[in-house]
N, C-alpha and C. Protein backbone atom coordinates (compact mmCIF):
# COMPACT_ATOMS: atom_id res chain seq x y z
N UNK A 1 147.18 120.17 97.48
CA UNK A 1 147.67 119.93 98.92
C UNK A 1 148.48 121.13 99.39
N UNK A 2 148.34 121.36 100.65
CA UNK A 2 149.07 122.45 101.28
C UNK A 2 150.57 122.26 101.24
N UNK A 3 151.35 123.32 100.99
CA UNK A 3 152.79 123.23 100.88
C UNK A 3 153.51 123.29 102.21
N UNK A 4 152.72 123.60 103.34
CA UNK A 4 153.38 123.82 104.62
C UNK A 4 153.51 122.54 105.40
N UNK A 5 153.36 121.38 104.74
CA UNK A 5 153.53 120.11 105.40
C UNK A 5 154.75 119.39 104.77
N UNK A 6 155.50 118.65 105.51
CA UNK A 6 156.61 117.84 104.99
C UNK A 6 156.58 116.47 105.66
N UNK A 7 157.14 115.52 104.96
CA UNK A 7 157.18 114.14 105.37
C UNK A 7 158.08 114.03 106.45
N UNK A 8 157.74 113.31 107.55
CA UNK A 8 158.59 113.14 108.74
C UNK A 8 159.76 112.26 108.45
N UNK A 9 159.64 111.33 107.53
CA UNK A 9 160.71 110.41 107.28
C UNK A 9 161.72 110.93 106.18
N UNK A 10 161.24 111.43 105.06
CA UNK A 10 162.20 111.82 103.99
C UNK A 10 162.27 113.34 103.77
N UNK A 11 161.35 114.11 104.29
CA UNK A 11 161.40 115.56 104.16
C UNK A 11 160.74 116.02 102.90
N UNK A 12 160.08 115.20 102.18
CA UNK A 12 159.41 115.62 100.91
C UNK A 12 158.16 116.41 101.15
N UNK A 13 157.76 117.26 100.30
CA UNK A 13 156.55 118.01 100.47
C UNK A 13 155.49 117.64 99.44
N UNK A 14 155.61 116.45 98.75
CA UNK A 14 154.62 116.00 97.81
C UNK A 14 153.87 114.75 98.38
N UNK A 15 152.57 114.98 98.46
CA UNK A 15 151.69 113.99 99.06
C UNK A 15 150.59 113.60 98.09
N UNK A 16 150.08 112.35 98.25
CA UNK A 16 148.98 111.94 97.45
C UNK A 16 147.96 111.26 98.35
N UNK A 17 146.78 111.13 97.89
CA UNK A 17 145.69 110.46 98.60
C UNK A 17 145.67 108.99 98.11
N UNK A 18 145.91 108.09 98.98
CA UNK A 18 145.95 106.64 98.66
C UNK A 18 144.60 106.08 98.67
N UNK A 19 144.07 105.62 97.60
CA UNK A 19 142.67 105.10 97.54
C UNK A 19 142.57 103.73 98.26
N UNK A 20 143.67 102.97 98.28
CA UNK A 20 143.54 101.70 99.00
C UNK A 20 143.41 101.76 100.52
N UNK A 21 143.81 102.97 100.98
CA UNK A 21 143.78 103.20 102.41
C UNK A 21 142.60 104.11 102.80
N UNK A 22 141.63 104.14 101.94
CA UNK A 22 140.45 104.98 102.20
C UNK A 22 140.66 106.51 102.07
N UNK A 23 141.58 106.89 101.23
CA UNK A 23 141.87 108.34 101.01
C UNK A 23 142.83 108.95 101.95
N UNK A 24 143.54 108.04 102.68
CA UNK A 24 144.49 108.59 103.65
C UNK A 24 145.65 109.27 102.89
N UNK A 25 146.18 110.41 103.41
CA UNK A 25 147.25 111.15 102.78
C UNK A 25 148.54 110.42 103.06
N UNK A 26 149.35 110.12 102.05
CA UNK A 26 150.67 109.51 102.20
C UNK A 26 151.66 110.24 101.39
N UNK A 27 152.92 110.09 101.72
CA UNK A 27 153.98 110.68 101.00
C UNK A 27 154.16 110.03 99.62
N UNK A 28 154.34 110.72 98.54
CA UNK A 28 154.48 110.12 97.27
C UNK A 28 155.83 109.56 97.03
N UNK A 29 156.87 109.90 97.85
CA UNK A 29 158.23 109.37 97.62
C UNK A 29 158.45 108.10 98.50
N UNK A 30 158.13 108.15 99.74
CA UNK A 30 158.43 107.02 100.67
C UNK A 30 157.22 106.20 101.11
N UNK A 31 156.05 106.76 100.91
CA UNK A 31 154.84 106.03 101.27
C UNK A 31 154.41 106.15 102.74
N UNK A 32 155.12 106.95 103.46
CA UNK A 32 154.83 107.13 104.86
C UNK A 32 153.62 108.01 105.13
N UNK A 33 152.85 107.76 106.17
CA UNK A 33 151.60 108.59 106.42
C UNK A 33 151.84 109.54 107.57
N UNK A 34 153.13 109.70 108.01
CA UNK A 34 153.41 110.63 109.11
C UNK A 34 154.05 111.87 108.49
N UNK A 35 153.47 113.03 108.83
CA UNK A 35 154.01 114.30 108.35
C UNK A 35 153.96 115.35 109.42
N UNK A 36 154.64 116.39 109.27
CA UNK A 36 154.65 117.49 110.24
C UNK A 36 154.57 118.81 109.49
N UNK A 37 154.19 119.80 110.17
CA UNK A 37 154.12 121.18 109.57
C UNK A 37 155.47 121.74 109.44
N UNK A 38 155.75 122.36 108.36
CA UNK A 38 157.04 123.02 108.14
C UNK A 38 157.07 124.31 108.97
N UNK A 39 158.15 124.47 109.67
CA UNK A 39 158.34 125.67 110.50
C UNK A 39 158.78 126.82 109.66
N UNK A 40 158.03 127.94 109.56
CA UNK A 40 158.49 129.14 108.79
C UNK A 40 158.83 130.23 109.75
N UNK A 41 158.79 129.98 111.03
CA UNK A 41 159.13 131.03 111.94
C UNK A 41 160.64 131.26 112.08
N UNK A 42 161.10 132.49 112.15
CA UNK A 42 162.47 132.79 112.27
C UNK A 42 163.04 132.32 113.58
N UNK A 43 162.24 132.43 114.66
CA UNK A 43 162.75 132.11 116.00
C UNK A 43 162.91 130.63 116.13
N UNK A 44 162.13 129.84 115.50
CA UNK A 44 162.21 128.40 115.67
C UNK A 44 163.29 127.71 114.85
N UNK A 45 163.84 128.47 113.88
CA UNK A 45 164.86 127.86 112.97
C UNK A 45 166.22 127.94 113.63
N UNK A 46 167.18 127.38 112.89
CA UNK A 46 168.58 127.41 113.32
C UNK A 46 169.20 128.74 113.00
N UNK A 47 168.51 129.55 112.23
CA UNK A 47 169.12 130.88 111.86
C UNK A 47 169.34 131.72 113.04
N UNK A 48 168.44 131.64 114.04
CA UNK A 48 168.62 132.40 115.27
C UNK A 48 169.87 132.13 116.02
N UNK A 49 170.26 130.79 116.09
CA UNK A 49 171.42 130.33 116.67
C UNK A 49 172.71 130.91 116.04
N UNK A 50 172.68 130.76 114.64
CA UNK A 50 173.82 131.25 113.90
C UNK A 50 173.97 132.80 114.02
N UNK A 51 172.87 133.46 114.04
CA UNK A 51 172.86 134.97 114.21
C UNK A 51 173.42 135.27 115.59
N UNK A 52 173.06 134.65 116.62
CA UNK A 52 173.61 134.89 117.97
C UNK A 52 175.01 134.61 118.03
N UNK A 53 175.51 133.59 117.43
CA UNK A 53 176.97 133.26 117.39
C UNK A 53 177.64 134.35 116.63
N UNK A 54 177.16 134.75 115.45
CA UNK A 54 177.82 135.82 114.69
C UNK A 54 177.91 137.14 115.48
N UNK A 55 176.89 137.46 116.18
CA UNK A 55 176.87 138.70 116.96
C UNK A 55 177.87 138.55 118.19
N UNK A 56 177.90 137.43 118.79
CA UNK A 56 178.91 137.26 119.85
C UNK A 56 180.31 137.33 119.35
N UNK A 57 180.66 136.76 118.20
CA UNK A 57 181.98 136.86 117.64
C UNK A 57 182.31 138.31 117.23
N UNK A 58 181.33 138.93 116.73
CA UNK A 58 181.50 140.35 116.31
C UNK A 58 181.82 141.17 117.51
N UNK A 59 181.15 140.98 118.65
CA UNK A 59 181.36 141.77 119.85
C UNK A 59 182.74 141.44 120.42
N UNK A 60 183.16 140.16 120.36
CA UNK A 60 184.48 139.81 120.94
C UNK A 60 185.61 140.41 120.05
N UNK A 61 185.40 140.41 118.72
CA UNK A 61 186.45 141.03 117.85
C UNK A 61 186.62 142.52 118.08
N UNK A 62 185.50 143.22 118.28
CA UNK A 62 185.56 144.61 118.54
C UNK A 62 185.98 144.87 119.94
């Protein structure tokens, strides 16, 4: 299974194919069938917000 997906409910990245549901992909921890793609982009994460705050504080101190 691809590692770039995470469960929408619990955040787990381990999935299994459930035979009773016709091979539908479900989370192995909570059983949910809803998942989303993990964001690996720097601009979409919270790192950009913290970087902007750090730069603003640095400019104010100087």
